[in-house]
Amino acid sequence: MKYLTSIFVLALLSVSAAFSQDPNTRRFSVFKATTLSGTAEVITLQQPASDGNFIRVEDVEVWCSVACDVTLERDGAAATGTALTPIVQITYGTSTTNAFHTSDAGVGTVITTKTLPLNTIIPIVFNGGLYLAPTSTGSNFTVRTSAITGDVKITIVWRERG
């Protein structure tokens, strides 16, 4: 058992090192500004059904014009909704990651919930990254606000490696 654990840890460290050292790792972001009326905004990054890349979510920024709760989740039921187009930030290429807003992703494993006071931006940085393997559409990351009447701005930044 110790041997298997050691192999798993070494593999995870290798992926982490490759992301941080490879200048060809592609970096992308999505941004969505929404005016809500008693509803929530839900943004999901999701692996495609096949031929995805390893994803490392680096940071999330959320701003609300009124007090709101922000929940970060992973690996919920596959999302649909309205597609967002990822923006290339570093190097080249297109993202294999699917992004959705007004997403209906099933609630996944909750990573954290933060409460934002009104008119506040919260940066959430994943030291070392939050990884999504290219396994299927069930491999996803979701940012979900509480239902509010006000404005919301959400940015998610990630890197991909094939």
Protein backbone atom coordinates (compact mmCIF):
# COMPACT_ATOMS: atom_id res chain seq x y z
CA MET A 1 0.00 0.00 0.00
CA LYS A 2 2.86 2.38 0.80
CA TYR A 3 4.30 1.64 -2.62
CA LEU A 4 1.06 2.58 -4.40
CA THR A 5 0.73 5.74 -2.34
CA SER A 6 4.30 6.70 -3.20
CA ILE A 7 3.67 6.18 -6.91
CA PHE A 8 0.48 8.27 -6.77
CA VAL A 9 2.26 11.13 -4.96
CA LEU A 10 5.16 11.06 -7.46
CA ALA A 11 2.74 11.13 -10.41
CA LEU A 12 0.87 14.09 -8.93
CA LEU A 13 4.12 15.95 -8.29
CA SER A 14 5.24 15.26 -11.86
CA VAL A 15 2.05 16.76 -13.30
CA SER A 16 2.39 19.76 -10.99
CA ALA A 17 6.02 20.30 -11.94
CA ALA A 18 5.23 19.98 -15.64
CA PHE A 19 2.54 22.65 -15.40
CA SER A 20 4.72 25.10 -13.53
CA GLN A 21 7.83 24.67 -15.68
CA ASP A 22 6.50 24.22 -19.20
CA PRO A 23 6.35 27.55 -21.05
CA ASN A 24 4.03 25.94 -23.62
CA THR A 25 1.28 25.25 -21.12
CA ARG A 26 -1.71 27.11 -22.46
CA ARG A 27 -3.49 29.58 -20.17
CA PHE A 28 -7.14 30.55 -20.57
CA SER A 29 -9.86 32.46 -18.79
CA VAL A 30 -13.58 33.07 -18.89
CA PHE A 31 -15.36 36.18 -17.65
CA LYS A 32 -19.06 36.75 -17.13
CA ALA A 33 -20.85 39.86 -15.88
CA THR A 34 -24.51 39.29 -15.06
CA THR A 35 -27.40 41.30 -13.63
CA LEU A 36 -29.47 38.93 -11.52
CA SER A 37 -33.04 39.26 -10.32
CA GLY A 38 -33.58 36.78 -7.51
CA THR A 39 -31.50 34.13 -9.25
CA ALA A 40 -28.00 32.67 -9.03
CA GLU A 41 -25.16 32.68 -11.56
CA VAL A 42 -23.41 29.38 -12.13
CA ILE A 43 -20.21 29.11 -14.21
CA THR A 44 -18.81 25.65 -15.00
CA LEU A 45 -15.56 24.49 -16.60
CA GLN A 46 -16.06 20.97 -17.89
CA GLN A 47 -13.95 18.35 -19.59
CA PRO A 48 -15.21 17.21 -22.99
CA ALA A 49 -16.57 13.67 -23.34
CA SER A 50 -13.25 12.64 -24.93
CA ASP A 51 -9.86 14.07 -25.97
CA GLY A 52 -9.58 16.57 -23.12
CA ASN A 53 -6.42 17.97 -21.54
CA PHE A 54 -5.29 18.07 -17.95
CA ILE A 55 -6.65 21.27 -16.43
CA ARG A 56 -5.17 23.24 -13.55
CA VAL A 57 -7.57 25.86 -12.19
CA GLU A 58 -5.35 28.66 -10.90
CA ASP A 59 -7.64 31.35 -9.58
CA VAL A 60 -11.19 32.59 -9.36
CA GLU A 61 -12.39 36.15 -8.77
CA VAL A 62 -15.96 36.97 -7.83
CA TRP A 63 -17.51 40.39 -7.30
CA CYS A 64 -21.08 41.01 -6.11
CA SER A 65 -22.84 44.38 -5.88
CA VAL A 66 -24.79 43.04 -2.88
CA ALA A 67 -23.85 40.53 -0.21
CA CYS A 68 -23.77 37.01 -1.63
CA ASP A 69 -22.44 33.53 -0.97
CA VAL A 70 -20.03 31.95 -3.44
CA THR A 71 -19.66 28.18 -3.53
CA LEU A 72 -16.87 26.33 -5.35
CA GLU A 73 -17.60 22.73 -6.36
CA ARG A 74 -16.06 19.96 -8.39
CA ASP A 75 -17.27 16.87 -10.24
CA GLY A 76 -21.00 17.51 -10.33
CA ALA A 77 -23.33 16.03 -12.95
CA ALA A 78 -22.51 17.19 -16.46
CA ALA A 79 -23.38 20.80 -17.24
CA THR A 80 -25.29 22.32 -20.08
CA GLY A 81 -26.42 25.89 -20.42
CA THR A 82 -25.08 28.69 -22.53
CA ALA A 83 -21.53 28.25 -23.76
CA LEU A 84 -18.79 30.72 -22.85
CA THR A 85 -15.80 31.10 -25.15
CA PRO A 86 -12.47 30.74 -23.33
CA ILE A 87 -10.03 33.62 -23.84
CA VAL A 88 -6.41 32.76 -24.65
CA GLN A 89 -4.09 34.46 -22.14
CA ILE A 90 -0.72 32.87 -22.77
CA THR A 91 0.80 31.25 -25.85
CA TYR A 92 -1.50 29.83 -28.47
CA GLY A 93 -4.28 27.48 -29.41
CA THR A 94 -7.80 26.84 -28.39
CA SER A 95 -9.08 25.36 -25.18
CA THR A 96 -10.44 21.82 -25.11
CA THR A 97 -12.34 22.78 -21.97
CA ASN A 98 -16.03 23.55 -22.27
CA ALA A 99 -17.29 26.54 -20.29
CA PHE A 100 -20.92 27.30 -19.49
CA HIS A 101 -22.79 30.11 -17.80
CA THR A 102 -26.27 29.90 -16.36
CA SER A 103 -25.14 26.32 -15.97
CA ASP A 104 -27.32 23.54 -14.65
CA ALA A 105 -24.40 21.47 -13.42
CA GLY A 106 -25.49 19.10 -10.70
CA VAL A 107 -24.15 20.00 -7.27
CA GLY A 108 -20.75 18.41 -6.89
CA THR A 109 -18.36 18.05 -4.00
CA VAL A 110 -18.26 21.41 -2.23
CA ILE A 111 -14.70 22.73 -1.94
CA THR A 112 -15.59 25.89 -0.03
CA THR A 113 -18.27 28.51 0.46
CA LYS A 114 -17.37 32.15 1.03
CA THR A 115 -19.63 35.05 1.99
CA LEU A 116 -18.92 38.31 0.20
CA PRO A 117 -19.99 41.62 1.73
CA LEU A 118 -21.65 43.98 -0.73
CA ASN A 119 -19.50 45.58 -3.41
CA THR A 120 -16.54 43.33 -2.64
CA ILE A 121 -14.25 41.28 -4.86
CA ILE A 122 -12.87 38.02 -3.57
CA PRO A 123 -9.83 36.44 -5.19
CA ILE A 124 -9.53 32.71 -4.57
CA VAL A 125 -6.09 31.39 -5.49
CA PHE A 126 -5.37 27.69 -5.56
CA ASN A 127 -1.77 27.36 -4.42
CA GLY A 128 -0.47 24.50 -6.51
CA GLY A 129 -3.69 24.42 -8.51
CA LEU A 130 -6.90 22.43 -8.52
CA TYR A 131 -6.60 19.66 -11.10
CA LEU A 132 -9.21 18.12 -13.38
CA ALA A 133 -8.23 14.97 -15.23
CA PRO A 134 -9.46 14.44 -18.80
CA THR A 135 -11.80 11.62 -17.80
CA SER A 136 -15.24 12.74 -19.03
CA THR A 137 -17.90 15.42 -18.69
CA GLY A 138 -18.26 14.52 -14.99
CA SER A 139 -14.84 16.09 -14.41
CA ASN A 140 -15.81 19.71 -13.87
CA PHE A 141 -15.37 22.80 -11.69
CA THR A 142 -18.26 25.10 -10.79
CA VAL A 143 -18.54 28.57 -9.25
CA ARG A 144 -22.06 29.14 -7.92
CA THR A 145 -23.45 32.32 -6.36
CA SER A 146 -26.44 32.47 -4.09
CA ALA A 147 -29.70 33.80 -5.52
CA ILE A 148 -29.50 37.61 -5.37
CA THR A 149 -30.90 40.73 -6.94
CA GLY A 150 -27.83 42.63 -8.09
CA ASP A 151 -24.76 42.39 -10.30
CA VAL A 152 -22.16 39.62 -10.36
CA LYS A 153 -18.79 39.39 -12.15
CA ILE A 154 -16.95 36.06 -12.24
CA THR A 155 -13.52 35.28 -13.71
CA ILE A 156 -11.90 31.83 -13.79
CA VAL A 157 -8.29 31.32 -14.95
CA TRP A 158 -6.83 27.90 -15.80
CA ARG A 159 -4.01 26.17 -17.66
CA GLU A 160 -4.21 23.16 -19.96
CA ARG A 161 -1.65 20.56 -20.85
CA GLY A 162 -2.26 17.76 -23.34
